[in-house]
N, C-alpha and C. Protein backbone atom coordinates (compact mmCIF):
# COMPACT_ATOMS: atom_id res chain seq x y z
N MET A 1 67.23 4.16 -36.78
CA MET A 1 67.49 3.00 -35.83
C MET A 1 68.13 2.33 -36.95
N SER A 2 69.34 1.71 -36.68
CA SER A 2 70.25 0.46 -37.69
C SER A 2 69.24 -0.75 -37.50
N GLU A 3 69.48 -1.19 -38.63
CA GLU A 3 69.08 -2.87 -39.00
C GLU A 3 69.30 -3.48 -37.67
N LEU A 4 70.32 -3.86 -37.28
CA LEU A 4 70.76 -4.70 -36.14
C LEU A 4 69.86 -4.23 -34.74
N ALA A 5 69.67 -2.80 -34.61
CA ALA A 5 69.08 -2.51 -33.14
C ALA A 5 67.60 -2.69 -33.46
N THR A 6 66.97 -2.54 -34.85
CA THR A 6 65.76 -2.87 -35.22
C THR A 6 65.35 -4.47 -34.63
N ALA A 7 66.08 -5.35 -35.38
CA ALA A 7 66.01 -6.80 -34.97
C ALA A 7 66.22 -6.89 -33.72
N THR A 8 67.15 -6.69 -33.19
CA THR A 8 67.32 -6.85 -31.59
C THR A 8 65.94 -6.56 -30.61
N ALA A 9 65.63 -5.08 -30.94
CA ALA A 9 64.43 -4.92 -30.12
C ALA A 9 62.89 -5.60 -30.67
N THR A 10 63.02 -6.21 -31.53
CA THR A 10 61.88 -6.95 -32.00
C THR A 10 61.86 -7.86 -31.48
N ALA A 11 63.11 -8.71 -31.50
CA ALA A 11 63.28 -10.06 -30.94
C ALA A 11 63.04 -10.23 -29.54
N LEU A 12 63.10 -9.04 -28.87
CA LEU A 12 62.75 -9.49 -27.39
C LEU A 12 61.50 -9.54 -26.92
N PRO A 13 60.78 -10.05 -25.99
CA PRO A 13 59.69 -10.36 -25.58
C PRO A 13 59.26 -9.21 -25.07
N THR A 14 57.85 -8.37 -25.60
CA THR A 14 57.39 -7.52 -24.86
C THR A 14 56.16 -7.49 -23.65
N SER A 15 56.38 -8.76 -23.50
CA SER A 15 55.18 -9.01 -22.13
C SER A 15 55.99 -9.07 -20.72
N ALA A 16 57.51 -9.24 -20.76
CA ALA A 16 58.25 -9.40 -19.82
C ALA A 16 59.22 -7.90 -19.74
N PRO A 17 59.23 -7.43 -18.70
CA PRO A 17 59.88 -6.33 -18.22
C PRO A 17 61.40 -7.11 -17.94
N PHE A 18 62.12 -6.20 -18.24
CA PHE A 18 64.03 -6.33 -18.23
C PHE A 18 64.17 -6.83 -16.70
N ASN A 19 63.29 -6.49 -15.51
CA ASN A 19 63.75 -7.03 -14.26
C ASN A 19 62.98 -7.94 -13.93
N ALA A 20 62.36 -8.49 -14.80
CA ALA A 20 61.48 -10.14 -14.33
C ALA A 20 62.40 -11.08 -13.91
N ALA A 21 62.11 -11.69 -13.12
CA ALA A 21 62.57 -12.90 -12.41
C ALA A 21 62.83 -13.86 -13.61
N PRO A 22 64.12 -14.66 -13.56
CA PRO A 22 63.90 -15.65 -14.75
C PRO A 22 63.04 -16.98 -14.47
N ALA A 23 62.94 -17.86 -15.40
CA ALA A 23 62.00 -18.78 -15.22
C ALA A 23 62.55 -19.74 -14.18
N GLU A 24 61.62 -20.26 -13.74
CA GLU A 24 62.14 -21.77 -12.86
C GLU A 24 63.06 -22.48 -13.52
N ALA A 25 64.03 -23.17 -12.50
CA ALA A 25 64.48 -24.40 -13.25
C ALA A 25 63.50 -25.32 -13.36
N PRO A 26 63.27 -26.44 -14.28
CA PRO A 26 62.15 -27.52 -14.25
C PRO A 26 62.51 -28.37 -12.82
N GLY A 27 61.44 -28.82 -12.68
CA GLY A 27 61.29 -29.36 -11.50
C GLY A 27 61.82 -31.02 -11.72
N PRO A 28 61.91 -31.80 -11.00
CA PRO A 28 62.00 -33.38 -11.03
C PRO A 28 61.13 -34.30 -12.05
N GLU A 29 59.82 -33.59 -11.74
CA GLU A 29 58.86 -34.43 -12.77
C GLU A 29 59.03 -33.90 -14.25
N SER A 30 59.75 -33.00 -14.84
CA SER A 30 60.03 -32.97 -15.96
C SER A 30 61.55 -33.57 -16.38
N MET A 31 62.39 -33.66 -15.52
CA MET A 31 63.79 -34.52 -15.53
C MET A 31 63.39 -36.15 -15.71
N LEU A 32 62.52 -36.65 -15.12
CA LEU A 32 62.42 -38.06 -14.87
C LEU A 32 61.02 -38.41 -14.62
N LYS A 33 60.48 -39.62 -15.21
CA LYS A 33 58.92 -39.95 -15.01
C LYS A 33 59.04 -41.38 -14.80
N ILE A 34 58.11 -41.78 -13.85
CA ILE A 34 57.72 -43.13 -13.42
C ILE A 34 56.45 -43.30 -13.46
N THR A 35 56.12 -44.30 -14.12
CA THR A 35 54.57 -44.43 -14.30
C THR A 35 54.00 -44.97 -12.88
N SER A 36 52.65 -44.96 -12.32
CA SER A 36 52.16 -45.41 -11.30
C SER A 36 52.48 -46.89 -11.24
N VAL A 37 52.21 -47.59 -12.44
CA VAL A 37 52.62 -49.03 -12.42
C VAL A 37 53.91 -49.25 -12.09
N ALA A 38 55.15 -48.53 -12.54
CA ALA A 38 56.26 -48.93 -11.99
C ALA A 38 56.67 -48.26 -10.52
N ALA A 39 56.35 -47.47 -10.32
CA ALA A 39 56.38 -47.23 -9.15
C ALA A 39 55.74 -48.30 -7.86
N THR A 40 54.49 -48.91 -8.29
CA THR A 40 53.95 -49.48 -7.65
C THR A 40 54.96 -51.03 -7.51
N LYS A 41 55.29 -51.24 -8.66
CA LYS A 41 56.06 -52.57 -8.60
C LYS A 41 58.04 -52.12 -7.94
N VAL A 42 58.14 -51.06 -7.88
CA VAL A 42 59.46 -50.79 -7.36
C VAL A 42 59.04 -50.53 -5.72
N ASN A 43 57.97 -50.25 -5.34
CA ASN A 43 57.81 -50.50 -3.93
C ASN A 43 57.57 -51.88 -3.36
N GLU A 44 56.91 -52.66 -4.36
CA GLU A 44 56.72 -54.32 -4.21
C GLU A 44 57.94 -54.71 -4.03
N ILE A 45 59.02 -54.45 -4.76
CA ILE A 45 60.02 -55.18 -4.70
C ILE A 45 60.93 -54.85 -3.36
N ARG A 46 60.82 -53.46 -3.03
CA ARG A 46 61.34 -52.87 -1.92
C ARG A 46 60.80 -53.90 -0.71
N ASP A 47 59.61 -53.90 -0.38
CA ASP A 47 59.08 -54.78 0.52
C ASP A 47 59.47 -56.11 0.67
N ALA A 48 59.07 -56.74 -0.63
CA ALA A 48 59.45 -57.89 -0.70
C ALA A 48 61.02 -58.43 -0.37
N GLU A 49 62.04 -57.47 -0.48
CA GLU A 49 63.38 -57.79 -0.40
C GLU A 49 63.80 -57.03 0.80
N ALA A 50 62.98 -56.46 1.67
CA ALA A 50 63.23 -55.77 2.95
C ALA A 50 64.25 -54.56 2.33
N ILE A 51 64.02 -54.12 1.67
CA ILE A 51 65.38 -52.89 1.31
C ILE A 51 65.27 -51.79 2.26
N GLU A 52 66.14 -51.45 2.82
CA GLU A 52 66.43 -50.33 3.55
C GLU A 52 65.69 -49.13 3.42
N ALA A 53 65.28 -48.69 4.41
CA ALA A 53 64.46 -47.30 4.08
C ALA A 53 65.39 -46.11 3.58
N ASN A 54 66.84 -46.04 3.85
CA ASN A 54 67.74 -45.19 3.46
C ASN A 54 68.21 -45.45 2.04
N MET A 55 68.01 -46.42 1.42
CA MET A 55 68.49 -46.71 -0.14
C MET A 55 67.46 -46.18 -1.05
N ALA A 56 68.05 -45.53 -1.97
CA ALA A 56 67.09 -45.14 -3.00
C ALA A 56 67.44 -45.93 -4.48
N LEU A 57 66.50 -45.70 -5.23
CA LEU A 57 66.40 -46.32 -6.51
C LEU A 57 67.30 -45.71 -7.61
N ARG A 58 68.53 -46.23 -7.80
CA ARG A 58 69.65 -45.58 -8.76
C ARG A 58 69.25 -46.01 -9.89
N LEU A 59 69.31 -45.02 -10.88
CA LEU A 59 69.28 -45.49 -12.35
C LEU A 59 70.72 -44.69 -12.91
N ARG A 60 71.03 -45.47 -13.68
CA ARG A 60 72.10 -45.21 -14.34
C ARG A 60 72.62 -45.62 -15.83
N VAL A 61 73.45 -44.71 -16.62
CA VAL A 61 73.32 -45.28 -17.64
C VAL A 61 74.87 -45.77 -17.82
N VAL A 62 74.94 -47.21 -18.37
CA VAL A 62 76.49 -47.58 -18.33
C VAL A 62 76.92 -47.81 -20.04
N GLY A 63 78.12 -48.01 -20.23
CA GLY A 63 78.77 -48.33 -21.69
C GLY A 63 78.59 -49.80 -21.52
N GLY A 64 77.99 -50.13 -23.33
CA GLY A 64 77.62 -51.62 -23.19
C GLY A 64 76.66 -51.82 -23.96
N GLY A 65 76.74 -53.13 -24.49
CA GLY A 65 75.39 -53.55 -25.25
C GLY A 65 75.74 -53.62 -26.66
N CYS A 66 74.90 -53.77 -27.30
CA CYS A 66 75.53 -53.84 -28.91
C CYS A 66 74.94 -52.47 -29.56
N ALA A 67 74.22 -51.64 -28.84
CA ALA A 67 74.12 -50.18 -29.40
C ALA A 67 74.89 -49.08 -28.86
N GLY A 68 75.48 -49.58 -27.92
CA GLY A 68 76.72 -48.87 -27.05
C GLY A 68 76.18 -48.21 -25.35
N PHE A 69 75.24 -48.12 -25.36
CA PHE A 69 74.78 -47.79 -23.87
C PHE A 69 73.55 -48.79 -23.40
N SER A 70 73.54 -48.97 -21.92
CA SER A 70 72.24 -49.60 -21.31
C SER A 70 71.86 -49.00 -19.92
N TYR A 71 70.76 -49.35 -19.52
CA TYR A 71 70.29 -48.90 -18.31
C TYR A 71 70.68 -50.10 -17.44
N ASP A 72 70.85 -49.05 -16.18
CA ASP A 72 71.18 -50.05 -14.86
C ASP A 72 70.21 -49.33 -13.86
N LEU A 73 69.63 -50.29 -12.97
CA LEU A 73 68.41 -49.92 -12.06
C LEU A 73 68.50 -50.96 -10.73
N TYR A 74 68.88 -50.09 -10.02
CA TYR A 74 69.04 -51.02 -8.53
C TYR A 74 68.84 -49.87 -7.24
N PHE A 75 68.51 -50.68 -6.03
CA PHE A 75 68.66 -49.60 -4.86
C PHE A 75 69.79 -49.70 -4.70
N ASP A 76 70.42 -48.30 -3.94
CA ASP A 76 71.71 -48.00 -3.52
C ASP A 76 71.49 -46.72 -2.67
N ASP A 77 72.66 -46.87 -1.85
CA ASP A 77 72.81 -45.50 -1.23
C ASP A 77 73.18 -44.33 -2.06
N PRO A 78 72.45 -42.98 -1.51
CA PRO A 78 72.69 -41.88 -2.24
C PRO A 78 74.21 -41.31 -2.02
N THR A 79 74.67 -40.86 -3.05
CA THR A 79 76.07 -40.15 -2.63
C THR A 79 75.98 -38.40 -2.48
N GLU A 80 76.96 -37.94 -2.28
CA GLU A 80 76.69 -36.55 -2.26
C GLU A 80 76.73 -35.67 -3.50
N VAL A 81 77.32 -36.71 -4.55
CA VAL A 81 77.25 -36.05 -5.97
C VAL A 81 75.99 -36.17 -6.84
N ASP A 82 75.47 -37.33 -6.28
CA ASP A 82 73.88 -37.61 -7.07
C ASP A 82 72.93 -36.67 -6.94
N ARG A 83 72.05 -36.60 -8.18
CA ARG A 83 70.83 -35.64 -8.40
C ARG A 83 69.67 -36.68 -7.38
N GLN A 84 68.85 -36.00 -6.64
CA GLN A 84 68.07 -36.74 -5.92
C GLN A 84 66.61 -36.23 -6.19
N PHE A 85 65.79 -37.04 -6.70
CA PHE A 85 64.09 -37.02 -7.32
C PHE A 85 63.72 -37.83 -6.52
N GLU A 86 62.08 -37.17 -6.03
CA GLU A 86 60.90 -37.90 -5.49
C GLU A 86 59.77 -38.02 -6.58
N VAL A 87 59.93 -38.95 -7.16
CA VAL A 87 58.96 -38.97 -8.33
C VAL A 87 57.92 -40.35 -7.90
N GLU A 88 56.75 -40.02 -7.91
CA GLU A 88 55.25 -41.16 -7.66
C GLU A 88 55.75 -41.88 -6.71
N GLN A 89 56.27 -41.35 -5.13
CA GLN A 89 56.70 -41.66 -4.26
C GLN A 89 57.83 -42.44 -4.21
N VAL A 90 58.94 -42.65 -5.07
CA VAL A 90 59.86 -43.39 -5.18
C VAL A 90 60.96 -42.40 -5.22
N ARG A 91 61.91 -42.64 -4.10
CA ARG A 91 63.00 -41.69 -4.28
C ARG A 91 63.94 -42.19 -5.34
N VAL A 92 64.42 -41.60 -6.09
CA VAL A 92 65.67 -41.66 -7.25
C VAL A 92 66.78 -41.17 -7.06
N VAL A 93 67.72 -41.66 -7.52
CA VAL A 93 69.09 -40.97 -7.26
C VAL A 93 69.49 -41.50 -8.81
N VAL A 94 70.54 -40.10 -9.61
CA VAL A 94 70.92 -40.45 -10.83
C VAL A 94 72.37 -39.51 -10.63
N ASP A 95 73.56 -40.27 -10.99
CA ASP A 95 74.65 -39.54 -11.28
C ASP A 95 74.94 -38.65 -12.23
N GLU A 96 75.77 -37.59 -12.20
CA GLU A 96 75.55 -36.37 -12.99
C GLU A 96 75.62 -36.78 -14.88
N MET A 97 76.57 -37.67 -14.46
CA MET A 97 77.12 -38.47 -15.82
C MET A 97 75.59 -39.06 -16.75
N SER A 98 75.12 -40.02 -15.76
CA SER A 98 74.33 -40.26 -16.41
C SER A 98 72.76 -39.52 -16.99
N LEU A 99 72.57 -38.56 -15.88
CA LEU A 99 71.48 -37.58 -16.31
C LEU A 99 71.62 -36.94 -17.29
N MET A 100 72.34 -36.78 -18.31
CA MET A 100 72.74 -35.93 -19.42
C MET A 100 72.07 -37.01 -20.35
N TYR A 101 71.89 -38.11 -19.90
CA TYR A 101 71.11 -39.08 -21.27
C TYR A 101 69.70 -39.53 -20.89
N LEU A 102 69.36 -38.97 -19.56
CA LEU A 102 68.26 -39.60 -19.06
C LEU A 102 67.19 -38.36 -18.71
N VAL A 103 67.37 -37.23 -19.05
CA VAL A 103 66.51 -36.25 -19.24
C VAL A 103 65.41 -36.62 -20.10
N GLY A 104 63.88 -36.64 -19.53
CA GLY A 104 62.82 -36.80 -19.99
C GLY A 104 62.34 -38.20 -20.23
N VAL A 105 63.26 -39.12 -19.61
CA VAL A 105 62.74 -40.34 -19.78
C VAL A 105 61.50 -40.93 -18.91
N GLU A 106 60.93 -41.74 -19.06
CA GLU A 106 59.78 -42.27 -18.59
C GLU A 106 60.12 -43.92 -18.25
N ILE A 107 59.70 -44.24 -16.91
CA ILE A 107 60.07 -45.98 -16.54
C ILE A 107 58.93 -46.20 -16.52
N ASP A 108 58.48 -47.30 -16.97
CA ASP A 108 57.32 -47.97 -16.95
C ASP A 108 57.54 -49.44 -16.63
N TYR A 109 56.55 -50.09 -16.10
CA TYR A 109 56.75 -51.39 -15.88
C TYR A 109 55.73 -52.29 -16.80
N VAL A 110 55.88 -53.11 -17.26
CA VAL A 110 55.18 -53.79 -18.42
C VAL A 110 55.22 -55.82 -18.38
N GLU A 111 54.20 -56.05 -18.36
CA GLU A 111 53.92 -57.53 -18.70
C GLU A 111 53.51 -58.02 -20.08
N GLY A 112 54.00 -58.97 -20.57
CA GLY A 112 53.71 -59.34 -21.92
C GLY A 112 54.05 -60.91 -22.07
N LEU A 113 54.45 -61.32 -23.31
CA LEU A 113 54.42 -62.56 -23.62
C LEU A 113 55.64 -63.28 -23.46
N GLN A 114 56.74 -61.97 -23.60
CA GLN A 114 57.83 -62.32 -23.59
C GLN A 114 58.40 -61.97 -21.97
N GLY A 115 57.75 -61.72 -21.14
CA GLY A 115 57.86 -61.73 -19.82
C GLY A 115 57.58 -60.20 -19.28
N ALA A 116 58.27 -60.03 -18.12
CA ALA A 116 57.93 -58.76 -17.47
C ALA A 116 58.92 -57.78 -17.03
N GLY A 117 58.86 -56.57 -17.01
CA GLY A 117 60.20 -55.83 -16.64
C GLY A 117 59.75 -54.36 -16.87
N PHE A 118 61.00 -53.93 -16.62
CA PHE A 118 60.89 -52.27 -16.58
C PHE A 118 61.35 -52.01 -18.08
N LYS A 119 60.42 -51.05 -18.27
CA LYS A 119 60.77 -50.24 -20.11
C LYS A 119 60.99 -48.79 -19.64
N PHE A 120 62.27 -48.44 -20.44
CA PHE A 120 62.62 -47.09 -20.53
C PHE A 120 62.25 -46.49 -22.01
N ASN A 121 61.31 -45.37 -21.79
CA ASN A 121 60.95 -44.46 -23.16
C ASN A 121 61.97 -43.34 -23.03
N ASN A 122 62.91 -43.21 -23.70
CA ASN A 122 63.85 -42.20 -23.51
C ASN A 122 63.74 -41.27 -24.81
N PRO A 123 63.51 -39.74 -24.88
CA PRO A 123 63.37 -39.47 -26.04
C PRO A 123 65.00 -38.90 -26.54
N ASN A 124 65.74 -39.16 -25.96
CA ASN A 124 67.18 -38.93 -26.22
C ASN A 124 67.76 -39.75 -27.35
N VAL A 125 66.99 -41.37 -27.59
CA VAL A 125 67.67 -42.34 -28.19
C VAL A 125 67.45 -42.03 -29.50
N LYS A 126 68.49 -42.43 -30.12
CA LYS A 126 68.49 -42.32 -31.60
C LYS A 126 68.08 -43.79 -32.17
N THR A 127 68.89 -44.33 -31.64
CA THR A 127 68.43 -46.05 -32.17
C THR A 127 68.86 -46.96 -30.78
N THR A 128 68.15 -48.21 -31.20
CA THR A 128 68.26 -49.21 -29.92
C THR A 128 68.64 -50.54 -30.73
N CYS A 129 69.27 -51.61 -30.31
CA CYS A 129 69.57 -53.14 -30.73
C CYS A 129 68.51 -53.70 -30.61
N GLY A 130 68.22 -54.73 -31.34
CA GLY A 130 67.31 -55.64 -31.89
C GLY A 130 66.70 -56.19 -30.67
N CYS A 131 67.48 -56.48 -29.64
CA CYS A 131 66.87 -56.86 -28.42
C CYS A 131 66.05 -55.94 -27.62
N GLY A 132 66.43 -54.63 -27.75
CA GLY A 132 65.92 -53.56 -26.93
C GLY A 132 66.47 -53.12 -25.46
N SER A 133 67.93 -53.81 -25.26
CA SER A 133 68.28 -53.93 -24.08
C SER A 133 69.38 -52.65 -23.91
N SER A 134 69.76 -52.28 -25.12
CA SER A 134 70.88 -50.92 -25.24
C SER A 134 70.50 -50.08 -26.28
N PHE A 135 71.24 -48.90 -25.95
CA PHE A 135 70.77 -47.81 -27.30
C PHE A 135 71.94 -46.88 -27.31
N SER A 136 71.46 -46.02 -28.24
CA SER A 136 72.56 -45.10 -28.65
C SER A 136 72.21 -43.63 -28.53
N VAL A 137 72.61 -42.61 -28.39
CA VAL A 137 72.41 -40.96 -28.33
C VAL A 137 73.41 -40.37 -29.48
């Protein structure tokens, strides 16, 4: 057998047959995470401001800030081109352009000496600005 054929044959997994079904696409829980504290706060805001039930929490990335990008979080009507997720009983919509920067992000709600607000833990971020409100990838 040639060297290439041997390398190719040994690189294939031996446990899966050729006709095995491809792995399922990752679910919303692996695309975007919301902590239970953040979900509770989102629902408190929804109730306090009497946000309509058809409105979803929109998460998007916009250009700006000292590091290049910043997060935008607000209630909005979903559009046909949005990706929709249900995470911790919160309906979230993300446009396709923002999604590529947000895969794996975790949204938390924190309270501290400097105030309270939503915190984004994003594994894609390379640098952040000094104030922490913008990022670059």
